[in-house]
Amino acid sequence: MENSSWTDLTFVVDTKNAKKAEALASQCTSLGIYIEDYSDMERLLPLIGRADYIDEKLNAKDKSRAAIHIYVPENESREEVAAKMKRLLDQCKIVYSVISENLNEDDWANSWKKHHKLHRIGSSIVICPSWEEYSPEEGELLIRIDPGSSFGTGGDETTRVCLRLLETGVAAGDRVLDMGCGSGVLSIAALRLGAGSSLGVDIDKNTVESAMENARLNGVGESFQGLFGNVLASGEFKEKLGGSYDLICANIMADVHIAMKSMHFDKLKQGGKLILSGIIENRAEEVRTAFEQGGFAYSDTAEENGWLALGFVKA
C-alpha cells in the first residue's frame, strides 16, 4: 500500500492573536487544525508552586508565541492553503511566520495520536481514543474514536458544543443526517443516544471509511451508513441522500452552512431539528439570520471559547 504524504503548515503568531488566528485557520481547511499555545503555563505555575511538577520540555516552551498547525493532504494545494491563510492574517494585521514540513502517513498518525485524550462532554458523553483504556462510570456514555486523519475527536470546541446540543436534541428512533461527518463522532453519539439510523456524509472517501470503522467499533455499525461526495457540486449526489430526516447536524464552516441552507430545509421533515456547529462568534448572527429567513425557527445555542453551535427547528 502506497504511503500518503501530508504537509504541516505552521503559522506562528503572538499568543494574544492565537484565538483569532485559529478561527482564520478553520476557514482554510475542511480537516482539523492543531494549536500549540503554552501561555497558560505562566498562569498555572504560581498556582502549582513547583516547576518540577511540569515536564522539563513543556516548561521550556516559548509562552509568548502560539503555533497554528494546518494539515494539508497531498491531493490539495499547500500553496493555495498557505496563500489564503496569509491573506486572512494580513487582512487582520496579524504578524506571523510560516514553517512548512512534509509528513508521511505514519508521521501524520503519530502527530495526531499524541494530542488525543479523553474528554467529558455534556452530562453523560465521554469521548475516548480507541487506544486508551477506560471503564465508564454509571451513567456515562462511552464513545471510542480512532480519528486517524479525520476531524472530530472531542478535543475541539466545535465538536463539543455540537454534542451538547445533540445530547438533548436526539429522540428515540430519529433518522439523522450528519453532514461533514469526519470521524463519525456525531453520528455515533446520536445512535448511542437512541437514534434509529444515521447517514454520515463527507467529501473524502478515507474519512467516510474511518467513520464507518468507528461506528463498528462502538457497536452501531449496522445503523450507520457512510457516503462520500459533494452536495454543493452534484445534484445527483444530493438526491441520493433522500429526505424526511428528523435531525440534521453539521460541524463545518459558516459559509458552507449558509450555502446548504435550502438543502437542509428540503431534507428535514416538518418540525425536524437542525444543529449547526463550527461557527465563530462574529459569524453567529449572520448564520442565524440566514436560517431564520430560510424558514427555520431558532431554538438554542451552545458556546465555548468563541465557538458556537446553533439549534433550529423547521417551522
C-alpha atoms as a PDB file:
ATOM      1  CA  MET A   1       0.000   0.000   0.000  1.00  0.00           C
ATOM      2  CA  GLU A   2       1.413   3.362  -1.032  1.00  0.00           C
ATOM      3  CA  ASN A   3       2.268   5.689   1.829  1.00  0.00           C
ATOM      4  CA  SER A   4       0.478   9.051   1.511  1.00  0.00           C
ATOM      5  CA  SER A   5       2.132  12.330   2.413  1.00  0.00           C
ATOM      6  CA  TRP A   6       0.899  15.477   4.132  1.00  0.00           C
ATOM      7  CA  THR A   7       2.157  18.988   4.656  1.00  0.00           C
ATOM      8  CA  ASP A   8       2.134  20.558   8.100  1.00  0.00           C
ATOM      9  CA  LEU A   9       1.738  24.312   7.521  1.00  0.00           C
ATOM     10  CA  THR A  10       2.553  26.009  10.820  1.00  0.00           C
ATOM     11  CA  PHE A  11       1.730  29.683  11.357  1.00  0.00           C
ATOM     12  CA  VAL A  12       3.436  31.152  14.424  1.00  0.00           C
ATOM     13  CA  VAL A  13       1.775  34.217  15.969  1.00  0.00           C
ATOM     14  CA  ASP A  14       1.804  36.190  19.186  1.00  0.00           C
ATOM     15  CA  THR A  15      -0.318  34.425  21.821  1.00  0.00           C
ATOM     16  CA  LYS A  16      -2.672  37.417  22.033  1.00  0.00           C
ATOM     17  CA  ASN A  17      -3.654  36.653  18.426  1.00  0.00           C
ATOM     18  CA  ALA A  18      -3.908  32.867  18.851  1.00  0.00           C
ATOM     19  CA  LYS A  19      -7.700  32.595  19.042  1.00  0.00           C
ATOM     20  CA  LYS A  20      -8.221  34.869  16.050  1.00  0.00           C
ATOM     21  CA  ALA A  21      -5.604  33.001  14.028  1.00  0.00           C
ATOM     22  CA  GLU A  22      -7.247  29.695  14.979  1.00  0.00           C
ATOM     23  CA  ALA A  23     -10.576  30.977  13.683  1.00  0.00           C
ATOM     24  CA  LEU A  24      -8.956  32.071  10.427  1.00  0.00           C
ATOM     25  CA  ALA A  25      -7.229  28.692  10.018  1.00  0.00           C
ATOM     26  CA  SER A  26     -10.583  26.926  10.317  1.00  0.00           C
ATOM     27  CA  GLN A  27     -11.661  28.776   7.171  1.00  0.00           C
ATOM     28  CA  CYS A  28      -8.716  27.361   5.223  1.00  0.00           C
ATOM     29  CA  THR A  29      -9.267  23.617   5.630  1.00  0.00           C
ATOM     30  CA  SER A  30     -12.035  21.038   5.922  1.00  0.00           C
ATOM     31  CA  LEU A  31      -9.755  18.950   8.143  1.00  0.00           C
ATOM     32  CA  GLY A  32      -8.668  19.504  11.708  1.00  0.00           C
ATOM     33  CA  ILE A  33      -6.166  22.024  12.971  1.00  0.00           C
ATOM     34  CA  TYR A  34      -3.918  21.760  15.998  1.00  0.00           C
ATOM     35  CA  ILE A  35      -2.939  24.674  18.255  1.00  0.00           C
ATOM     36  CA  GLU A  36       0.206  24.870  20.370  1.00  0.00           C
ATOM     37  CA  ASP A  37      -0.271  27.601  22.974  1.00  0.00           C
ATOM     38  CA  TYR A  38       1.700  27.331  26.212  1.00  0.00           C
ATOM     39  CA  SER A  39       0.852  30.784  27.566  1.00  0.00           C
ATOM     40  CA  ASP A  40      -1.331  29.262  30.305  1.00  0.00           C
ATOM     41  CA  MET A  41       1.832  27.898  31.894  1.00  0.00           C
ATOM     42  CA  GLU A  42       2.649  31.426  33.115  1.00  0.00           C
ATOM     43  CA  ARG A  43      -0.664  31.480  34.968  1.00  0.00           C
ATOM     44  CA  LEU A  44      -0.579  27.895  36.249  1.00  0.00           C
ATOM     45  CA  LEU A  45       2.975  27.842  37.597  1.00  0.00           C
ATOM     46  CA  PRO A  46       2.258  30.171  40.588  1.00  0.00           C
ATOM     47  CA  LEU A  47      -0.785  28.034  41.407  1.00  0.00           C
ATOM     48  CA  ILE A  48       1.187  24.784  41.215  1.00  0.00           C
ATOM     49  CA  GLY A  49       4.011  26.255  43.239  1.00  0.00           C
ATOM     50  CA  ARG A  50       6.722  23.921  41.980  1.00  0.00           C
ATOM     51  CA  ALA A  51       8.188  23.793  38.489  1.00  0.00           C
ATOM     52  CA  ASP A  52       9.330  20.178  38.973  1.00  0.00           C
ATOM     53  CA  TYR A  53       5.722  19.015  38.578  1.00  0.00           C
ATOM     54  CA  ILE A  54       5.927  20.124  34.946  1.00  0.00           C
ATOM     55  CA  ASP A  55       7.704  18.272  32.168  1.00  0.00           C
ATOM     56  CA  GLU A  56      11.062  19.997  31.522  1.00  0.00           C
ATOM     57  CA  LYS A  57      10.488  20.253  27.763  1.00  0.00           C
ATOM     58  CA  LEU A  58       6.996  21.663  28.309  1.00  0.00           C
ATOM     59  CA  ASN A  59       8.234  24.243  30.788  1.00  0.00           C
ATOM     60  CA  ALA A  60      10.906  25.334  28.292  1.00  0.00           C
ATOM     61  CA  LYS A  61       8.360  26.092  25.553  1.00  0.00           C
ATOM     62  CA  ASP A  62       8.046  29.660  24.292  1.00  0.00           C
ATOM     63  CA  LYS A  63       4.980  31.004  26.105  1.00  0.00           C
ATOM     64  CA  SER A  64       4.804  34.240  24.147  1.00  0.00           C
ATOM     65  CA  ARG A  65       4.082  32.565  20.810  1.00  0.00           C
ATOM     66  CA  ALA A  66       1.405  30.166  19.579  1.00  0.00           C
ATOM     67  CA  ALA A  67       1.673  27.763  16.650  1.00  0.00           C
ATOM     68  CA  ILE A  68      -1.355  27.001  14.464  1.00  0.00           C
ATOM     69  CA  HIS A  69      -0.877  23.775  12.501  1.00  0.00           C
ATOM     70  CA  ILE A  70      -2.867  23.237   9.306  1.00  0.00           C
ATOM     71  CA  TYR A  71      -2.540  19.735   7.837  1.00  0.00           C
ATOM     72  CA  VAL A  72      -2.808  19.620   4.036  1.00  0.00           C
ATOM     73  CA  PRO A  73      -3.183  16.241   2.253  1.00  0.00           C
ATOM     74  CA  GLU A  74      -1.191  15.544  -0.892  1.00  0.00           C
ATOM     75  CA  ASN A  75      -4.275  15.907  -3.132  1.00  0.00           C
ATOM     76  CA  GLU A  76      -4.739  19.547  -2.083  1.00  0.00           C
ATOM     77  CA  SER A  77      -2.553  22.523  -2.922  1.00  0.00           C
ATOM     78  CA  ARG A  78      -0.486  23.623   0.049  1.00  0.00           C
ATOM     79  CA  GLU A  79       0.362  26.798  -1.859  1.00  0.00           C
ATOM     80  CA  GLU A  80      -3.331  27.736  -2.120  1.00  0.00           C
ATOM     81  CA  VAL A  81      -3.991  26.948   1.555  1.00  0.00           C
ATOM     82  CA  ALA A  82      -0.930  28.939   2.623  1.00  0.00           C
ATOM     83  CA  ALA A  83      -1.881  31.873   0.390  1.00  0.00           C
ATOM     84  CA  LYS A  84      -5.415  32.001   1.797  1.00  0.00           C
ATOM     85  CA  MET A  85      -4.191  31.892   5.389  1.00  0.00           C
ATOM     86  CA  LYS A  86      -1.596  34.585   4.714  1.00  0.00           C
ATOM     87  CA  ARG A  87      -4.236  36.786   3.096  1.00  0.00           C
ATOM     88  CA  LEU A  88      -6.584  36.428   6.070  1.00  0.00           C
ATOM     89  CA  LEU A  89      -3.814  37.132   8.588  1.00  0.00           C
ATOM     90  CA  ASP A  90      -2.691  40.187   6.605  1.00  0.00           C
ATOM     91  CA  GLN A  91      -6.265  41.500   6.499  1.00  0.00           C
ATOM     92  CA  CYS A  92      -6.411  41.209  10.297  1.00  0.00           C
ATOM     93  CA  LYS A  93      -2.968  42.814  10.624  1.00  0.00           C
ATOM     94  CA  ILE A  94      -1.605  39.771  12.481  1.00  0.00           C
ATOM     95  CA  VAL A  95       2.172  39.355  12.292  1.00  0.00           C
ATOM     96  CA  TYR A  96       3.241  35.772  11.626  1.00  0.00           C
ATOM     97  CA  SER A  97       5.965  33.435  10.464  1.00  0.00           C
ATOM     98  CA  VAL A  98       5.437  30.230   8.487  1.00  0.00           C
ATOM     99  CA  ILE A  99       7.025  26.798   8.750  1.00  0.00           C
ATOM    100  CA  SER A 100       6.269  24.050   6.214  1.00  0.00           C
ATOM    101  CA  GLU A 101       7.080  20.420   6.966  1.00  0.00           C
ATOM    102  CA  ASN A 102       6.376  17.292   4.951  1.00  0.00           C
ATOM    103  CA  LEU A 103       4.901  14.324   6.808  1.00  0.00           C
ATOM    104  CA  ASN A 104       4.346  10.775   5.649  1.00  0.00           C
ATOM    105  CA  GLU A 105       1.261   8.820   6.701  1.00  0.00           C
ATOM    106  CA  ASP A 106       2.952   7.380   9.794  1.00  0.00           C
ATOM    107  CA  ASP A 107       4.167  10.816  10.890  1.00  0.00           C
ATOM    108  CA  TRP A 108       0.622  12.151  10.459  1.00  0.00           C
ATOM    109  CA  ALA A 109      -0.918   9.380  12.542  1.00  0.00           C
ATOM    110  CA  ASN A 110       1.603   9.721  15.345  1.00  0.00           C
ATOM    111  CA  SER A 111       1.412  13.524  15.319  1.00  0.00           C
ATOM    112  CA  TRP A 112      -2.350  13.396  15.892  1.00  0.00           C
ATOM    113  CA  LYS A 113      -2.322  10.458  18.280  1.00  0.00           C
ATOM    114  CA  LYS A 114      -0.206  12.115  20.940  1.00  0.00           C
ATOM    115  CA  HIS A 115      -2.658  15.014  21.228  1.00  0.00           C
ATOM    116  CA  HIS A 116      -5.886  12.993  21.633  1.00  0.00           C
ATOM    117  CA  LYS A 117      -7.041  12.474  25.189  1.00  0.00           C
ATOM    118  CA  LEU A 118     -10.262  11.527  26.985  1.00  0.00           C
ATOM    119  CA  HIS A 119     -12.953  14.225  27.021  1.00  0.00           C
ATOM    120  CA  ARG A 120     -16.159  14.512  29.078  1.00  0.00           C
ATOM    121  CA  ILE A 121     -18.895  16.438  27.291  1.00  0.00           C
ATOM    122  CA  GLY A 122     -22.351  17.464  28.432  1.00  0.00           C
ATOM    123  CA  SER A 123     -23.964  15.473  31.225  1.00  0.00           C
ATOM    124  CA  SER A 124     -23.018  11.964  30.113  1.00  0.00           C
ATOM    125  CA  ILE A 125     -20.839  11.734  26.982  1.00  0.00           C
ATOM    126  CA  VAL A 126     -17.236  10.554  27.284  1.00  0.00           C
ATOM    127  CA  ILE A 127     -15.064  10.528  24.142  1.00  0.00           C
ATOM    128  CA  CYS A 128     -12.054   8.250  24.457  1.00  0.00           C
ATOM    129  CA  PRO A 129      -9.318   7.463  21.896  1.00  0.00           C
ATOM    130  CA  SER A 130      -9.513   3.852  20.805  1.00  0.00           C
ATOM    131  CA  TRP A 131      -6.001   3.111  22.106  1.00  0.00           C
ATOM    132  CA  GLU A 132      -6.677   4.265  25.698  1.00  0.00           C
ATOM    133  CA  GLU A 133      -8.106   2.023  28.433  1.00  0.00           C
ATOM    134  CA  TYR A 134     -11.148   3.427  30.223  1.00  0.00           C
ATOM    135  CA  SER A 135     -14.046   1.884  32.138  1.00  0.00           C
ATOM    136  CA  PRO A 136     -17.121   4.138  32.098  1.00  0.00           C
ATOM    137  CA  GLU A 137     -18.794   5.038  35.355  1.00  0.00           C
ATOM    138  CA  GLU A 138     -22.506   4.601  35.921  1.00  0.00           C
ATOM    139  CA  GLY A 139     -24.499   6.939  33.677  1.00  0.00           C
ATOM    140  CA  GLU A 140     -21.607   7.669  31.317  1.00  0.00           C
ATOM    141  CA  LEU A 141     -21.982   7.117  27.588  1.00  0.00           C
ATOM    142  CA  LEU A 142     -18.577   5.994  26.327  1.00  0.00           C
ATOM    143  CA  ILE A 143     -17.674   6.603  22.693  1.00  0.00           C
ATOM    144  CA  ARG A 144     -14.372   5.293  21.392  1.00  0.00           C
ATOM    145  CA  ILE A 145     -12.892   7.157  18.435  1.00  0.00           C
ATOM    146  CA  ASP A 146      -9.931   6.300  16.263  1.00  0.00           C
ATOM    147  CA  PRO A 147      -9.526   9.660  14.495  1.00  0.00           C
ATOM    148  CA  GLY A 148      -6.711   8.819  12.090  1.00  0.00           C
ATOM    149  CA  SER A 149      -6.689  11.794   9.723  1.00  0.00           C
ATOM    150  CA  SER A 150     -10.364  12.624  10.350  1.00  0.00           C
ATOM    151  CA  PHE A 151     -11.733  15.627  12.186  1.00  0.00           C
ATOM    152  CA  GLY A 152     -13.910  15.329  15.291  1.00  0.00           C
ATOM    153  CA  THR A 153     -12.476  13.787  18.445  1.00  0.00           C
ATOM    154  CA  GLY A 154     -13.989  15.812  21.268  1.00  0.00           C
ATOM    155  CA  GLY A 155     -10.785  17.791  21.705  1.00  0.00           C
ATOM    156  CA  ASP A 156     -12.066  20.722  19.661  1.00  0.00           C
ATOM    157  CA  GLU A 157     -14.688  23.216  20.821  1.00  0.00           C
ATOM    158  CA  THR A 158     -16.814  22.848  17.676  1.00  0.00           C
ATOM    159  CA  THR A 159     -17.388  19.130  18.278  1.00  0.00           C
ATOM    160  CA  ARG A 160     -18.094  19.632  21.980  1.00  0.00           C
ATOM    161  CA  VAL A 161     -20.716  22.350  21.553  1.00  0.00           C
ATOM    162  CA  CYS A 162     -22.414  20.324  18.824  1.00  0.00           C
ATOM    163  CA  LEU A 163     -22.513  17.255  21.071  1.00  0.00           C
ATOM    164  CA  ARG A 164     -24.046  19.289  23.891  1.00  0.00           C
ATOM    165  CA  LEU A 165     -26.996  20.255  21.693  1.00  0.00           C
ATOM    166  CA  LEU A 166     -27.158  16.765  20.238  1.00  0.00           C
ATOM    167  CA  GLU A 167     -27.332  15.189  23.694  1.00  0.00           C
ATOM    168  CA  THR A 168     -30.584  16.999  24.462  1.00  0.00           C
ATOM    169  CA  GLY A 169     -31.908  17.078  20.905  1.00  0.00           C
ATOM    170  CA  VAL A 170     -31.966  13.435  19.816  1.00  0.00           C
ATOM    171  CA  ALA A 171     -35.194  11.480  20.222  1.00  0.00           C
ATOM    172  CA  ALA A 172     -35.598   7.702  20.173  1.00  0.00           C
ATOM    173  CA  GLY A 173     -35.786   6.333  16.649  1.00  0.00           C
ATOM    174  CA  ASP A 174     -34.681   9.553  14.917  1.00  0.00           C
ATOM    175  CA  ARG A 175     -33.358   9.430  11.357  1.00  0.00           C
ATOM    176  CA  VAL A 176     -30.169  11.529  11.412  1.00  0.00           C
ATOM    177  CA  LEU A 177     -28.175  13.146   8.613  1.00  0.00           C
ATOM    178  CA  ASP A 178     -24.604  14.051   9.598  1.00  0.00           C
ATOM    179  CA  MET A 179     -23.101  16.482   7.073  1.00  0.00           C
ATOM    180  CA  GLY A 180     -19.289  16.624   7.064  1.00  0.00           C
ATOM    181  CA  CYS A 181     -19.191  13.590   9.341  1.00  0.00           C
ATOM    182  CA  GLY A 182     -15.415  13.457   9.841  1.00  0.00           C
ATOM    183  CA  SER A 183     -14.619  10.734  12.369  1.00  0.00           C
ATOM    184  CA  GLY A 184     -18.322   9.923  12.687  1.00  0.00           C
ATOM    185  CA  VAL A 185     -18.457  11.041  16.316  1.00  0.00           C
ATOM    186  CA  LEU A 186     -21.745  12.957  15.954  1.00  0.00           C
ATOM    187  CA  SER A 187     -23.485  10.060  14.228  1.00  0.00           C
ATOM    188  CA  ILE A 188     -22.169   7.596  16.786  1.00  0.00           C
ATOM    189  CA  ALA A 189     -23.285   9.798  19.679  1.00  0.00           C
ATOM    190  CA  ALA A 190     -26.746  10.203  18.133  1.00  0.00           C
ATOM    191  CA  LEU A 191     -27.104   6.443  17.688  1.00  0.00           C
ATOM    192  CA  ARG A 192     -25.866   5.700  21.201  1.00  0.00           C
ATOM    193  CA  LEU A 193     -28.374   8.265  22.489  1.00  0.00           C
ATOM    194  CA  GLY A 194     -31.246   6.388  20.840  1.00  0.00           C
ATOM    195  CA  ALA A 195     -31.451   7.479  17.200  1.00  0.00           C
ATOM    196  CA  GLY A 196     -32.638   4.754  14.845  1.00  0.00           C
ATOM    197  CA  SER A 197     -30.241   5.421  11.978  1.00  0.00           C
ATOM    198  CA  SER A 198     -27.656   7.920  10.775  1.00  0.00           C
ATOM    199  CA  LEU A 199     -26.229   8.758   7.367  1.00  0.00           C
ATOM    200  CA  GLY A 200     -22.759  10.321   7.511  1.00  0.00           C
ATOM    201  CA  VAL A 201     -21.631  12.367   4.514  1.00  0.00           C
ATOM    202  CA  ASP A 202     -18.166  13.724   3.772  1.00  0.00           C
ATOM    203  CA  ILE A 203     -16.236  14.830   0.697  1.00  0.00           C
ATOM    204  CA  ASP A 204     -13.323  12.490   1.428  1.00  0.00           C
ATOM    205  CA  LYS A 205     -13.572   8.730   0.886  1.00  0.00           C
ATOM    206  CA  ASN A 206     -10.956   7.840   3.510  1.00  0.00           C
ATOM    207  CA  THR A 207     -12.762   9.963   6.081  1.00  0.00           C
ATOM    208  CA  VAL A 208     -16.046   8.150   5.422  1.00  0.00           C
ATOM    209  CA  GLU A 209     -14.306   4.781   5.727  1.00  0.00           C
ATOM    210  CA  SER A 210     -12.827   5.905   9.048  1.00  0.00           C
ATOM    211  CA  ALA A 211     -16.294   6.953  10.276  1.00  0.00           C
ATOM    212  CA  MET A 212     -17.730   3.568   9.306  1.00  0.00           C
ATOM    213  CA  GLU A 213     -14.958   1.788  11.209  1.00  0.00           C
ATOM    214  CA  ASN A 214     -15.578   3.975  14.274  1.00  0.00           C
ATOM    215  CA  ALA A 215     -19.283   3.129  14.093  1.00  0.00           C
ATOM    216  CA  ARG A 216     -18.420  -0.577  14.094  1.00  0.00           C
ATOM    217  CA  LEU A 217     -16.014  -0.002  16.987  1.00  0.00           C
ATOM    218  CA  ASN A 218     -18.908   1.421  19.023  1.00  0.00           C
ATOM    219  CA  GLY A 219     -21.391  -1.311  18.138  1.00  0.00           C
ATOM    220  CA  VAL A 220     -23.595   0.844  15.883  1.00  0.00           C
ATOM    221  CA  GLY A 221     -22.172  -0.165  12.502  1.00  0.00           C
ATOM    222  CA  GLU A 222     -25.444  -1.656  11.287  1.00  0.00           C
ATOM    223  CA  SER A 223     -27.295   1.614  11.949  1.00  0.00           C
ATOM    224  CA  PHE A 224     -24.714   3.864  10.295  1.00  0.00           C
ATOM    225  CA  GLN A 225     -24.264   4.417   6.570  1.00  0.00           C
ATOM    226  CA  GLY A 226     -21.436   6.473   5.088  1.00  0.00           C
ATOM    227  CA  LEU A 227     -21.374   8.247   1.731  1.00  0.00           C
ATOM    228  CA  PHE A 228     -18.707  10.457   0.188  1.00  0.00           C
ATOM    229  CA  GLY A 229     -19.449  13.219  -2.279  1.00  0.00           C
ATOM    230  CA  ASN A 230     -20.106  16.941  -2.602  1.00  0.00           C
ATOM    231  CA  VAL A 231     -23.733  18.013  -2.237  1.00  0.00           C
ATOM    232  CA  LEU A 232     -22.908  21.529  -3.450  1.00  0.00           C
ATOM    233  CA  ALA A 233     -21.329  20.265  -6.676  1.00  0.00           C
ATOM    234  CA  SER A 234     -23.614  17.362  -7.582  1.00  0.00           C
ATOM    235  CA  GLY A 235     -27.399  17.493  -7.681  1.00  0.00           C
ATOM    236  CA  GLU A 236     -27.445  13.761  -8.312  1.00  0.00           C
ATOM    237  CA  PHE A 237     -25.468  13.091  -5.137  1.00  0.00           C
ATOM    238  CA  LYS A 238     -27.724  15.415  -3.160  1.00  0.00           C
ATOM    239  CA  GLU A 239     -30.778  13.445  -4.303  1.00  0.00           C
ATOM    240  CA  LYS A 240     -29.036  10.243  -3.239  1.00  0.00           C
ATOM    241  CA  LEU A 241     -29.237  11.373   0.392  1.00  0.00           C
ATOM    242  CA  GLY A 242     -33.014  11.082   0.463  1.00  0.00           C
ATOM    243  CA  GLY A 243     -35.089  13.172   2.839  1.00  0.00           C
ATOM    244  CA  SER A 244     -37.592  13.342   5.715  1.00  0.00           C
ATOM    245  CA  TYR A 245     -34.857  13.382   8.362  1.00  0.00           C
ATOM    246  CA  ASP A 246     -35.778  14.040  11.980  1.00  0.00           C
ATOM    247  CA  LEU A 247     -32.434  15.688  12.730  1.00  0.00           C
ATOM    248  CA  ILE A 248     -29.544  17.099  10.708  1.00  0.00           C
ATOM    249  CA  CYS A 249     -26.222  18.001  12.298  1.00  0.00           C
ATOM    250  CA  ALA A 250     -23.296  19.695  10.576  1.00  0.00           C
ATOM    251  CA  ASN A 251     -19.947  20.782  12.014  1.00  0.00           C
ATOM    252  CA  ILE A 252     -18.486  22.806   9.142  1.00  0.00           C
ATOM    253  CA  MET A 253     -17.728  26.422   8.226  1.00  0.00           C
ATOM    254  CA  ALA A 254     -20.258  29.273   8.347  1.00  0.00           C
ATOM    255  CA  ASP A 255     -20.133  29.935   4.599  1.00  0.00           C
ATOM    256  CA  VAL A 256     -20.865  26.269   3.833  1.00  0.00           C
ATOM    257  CA  HIS A 257     -23.755  26.258   6.305  1.00  0.00           C
ATOM    258  CA  ILE A 258     -25.337  29.184   4.505  1.00  0.00           C
ATOM    259  CA  ALA A 259     -24.728  27.596   1.099  1.00  0.00           C
ATOM    260  CA  MET A 260     -26.552  24.443   2.248  1.00  0.00           C
ATOM    261  CA  LYS A 261     -29.474  26.284   3.874  1.00  0.00           C
ATOM    262  CA  SER A 262     -32.070  25.297   1.270  1.00  0.00           C
ATOM    263  CA  MET A 263     -30.846  21.713   1.169  1.00  0.00           C
ATOM    264  CA  HIS A 264     -31.237  21.394   4.934  1.00  0.00           C
ATOM    265  CA  PHE A 265     -34.797  22.716   4.673  1.00  0.00           C
ATOM    266  CA  ASP A 266     -35.646  20.233   1.922  1.00  0.00           C
ATOM    267  CA  LYS A 267     -34.103  17.250   3.717  1.00  0.00           C
ATOM    268  CA  LEU A 268     -35.765  17.849   7.103  1.00  0.00           C
ATOM    269  CA  LYS A 269     -39.302  16.785   7.889  1.00  0.00           C
ATOM    270  CA  GLN A 270     -41.696  19.378   9.311  1.00  0.00           C
ATOM    271  CA  GLY A 271     -40.710  20.064  12.899  1.00  0.00           C
ATOM    272  CA  GLY A 272     -37.301  18.457  12.343  1.00  0.00           C
ATOM    273  CA  LYS A 273     -34.239  19.731  14.205  1.00  0.00           C
ATOM    274  CA  LEU A 274     -31.083  21.265  12.755  1.00  0.00           C
ATOM    275  CA  ILE A 275     -27.807  21.648  14.682  1.00  0.00           C
ATOM    276  CA  LEU A 276     -25.066  23.752  13.092  1.00  0.00           C
ATOM    277  CA  SER A 277     -21.574  23.982  14.584  1.00  0.00           C
ATOM    278  CA  GLY A 278     -18.163  25.289  13.544  1.00  0.00           C
ATOM    279  CA  ILE A 279     -19.426  28.879  13.772  1.00  0.00           C
ATOM    280  CA  ILE A 280     -17.064  31.533  15.090  1.00  0.00           C
ATOM    281  CA  GLU A 281     -18.750  34.065  17.368  1.00  0.00           C
ATOM    282  CA  ASN A 282     -18.585  37.001  14.950  1.00  0.00           C
ATOM    283  CA  ARG A 283     -20.416  34.985  12.257  1.00  0.00           C
ATOM    284  CA  ALA A 284     -23.187  33.629  14.504  1.00  0.00           C
ATOM    285  CA  GLU A 285     -25.707  36.411  13.938  1.00  0.00           C
ATOM    286  CA  GLU A 286     -25.202  36.203  10.175  1.00  0.00           C
ATOM    287  CA  VAL A 287     -25.840  32.445  10.185  1.00  0.00           C
ATOM    288  CA  ARG A 288     -28.846  32.744  12.482  1.00  0.00           C
ATOM    289  CA  THR A 289     -30.419  35.449  10.330  1.00  0.00           C
ATOM    290  CA  ALA A 290     -29.870  33.477   7.134  1.00  0.00           C
ATOM    291  CA  PHE A 291     -31.592  30.385   8.522  1.00  0.00           C
ATOM    292  CA  GLU A 292     -34.461  32.288  10.096  1.00  0.00           C
ATOM    293  CA  GLN A 293     -35.084  33.909   6.722  1.00  0.00           C
ATOM    294  CA  GLY A 294     -34.896  30.422   5.189  1.00  0.00           C
ATOM    295  CA  GLY A 295     -37.833  29.044   7.170  1.00  0.00           C
ATOM    296  CA  PHE A 296     -36.160  27.872  10.367  1.00  0.00           C
ATOM    297  CA  ALA A 297     -37.024  28.884  13.925  1.00  0.00           C
ATOM    298  CA  TYR A 298     -34.043  29.410  16.224  1.00  0.00           C
ATOM    299  CA  SER A 299     -34.135  27.200  19.332  1.00  0.00           C
ATOM    300  CA  ASP A 300     -30.876  27.270  21.316  1.00  0.00           C
ATOM    301  CA  THR A 301     -27.125  27.867  21.449  1.00  0.00           C
ATOM    302  CA  ALA A 302     -24.093  26.171  22.963  1.00  0.00           C
ATOM    303  CA  GLU A 303     -20.854  28.179  23.217  1.00  0.00           C
ATOM    304  CA  GLU A 304     -17.246  27.533  24.185  1.00  0.00           C
ATOM    305  CA  ASN A 305     -14.226  29.790  23.725  1.00  0.00           C
ATOM    306  CA  GLY A 306     -15.864  31.862  20.998  1.00  0.00           C
ATOM    307  CA  TRP A 307     -17.203  28.869  19.023  1.00  0.00           C
ATOM    308  CA  LEU A 308     -20.947  28.287  18.740  1.00  0.00           C
ATOM    309  CA  ALA A 309     -23.426  25.605  17.824  1.00  0.00           C
ATOM    310  CA  LEU A 310     -26.865  26.893  16.853  1.00  0.00           C
ATOM    311  CA  GLY A 311     -30.052  24.871  17.095  1.00  0.00           C
ATOM    312  CA  PHE A 312     -33.065  25.377  14.797  1.00  0.00           C
ATOM    313  CA  VAL A 313     -36.422  23.765  14.092  1.00  0.00           C
ATOM    314  CA  LYS A 314     -38.017  23.571  10.642  1.00  0.00           C
ATOM    315  CA  ALA A 315     -41.026  25.839  11.121  1.00  0.00           C
END
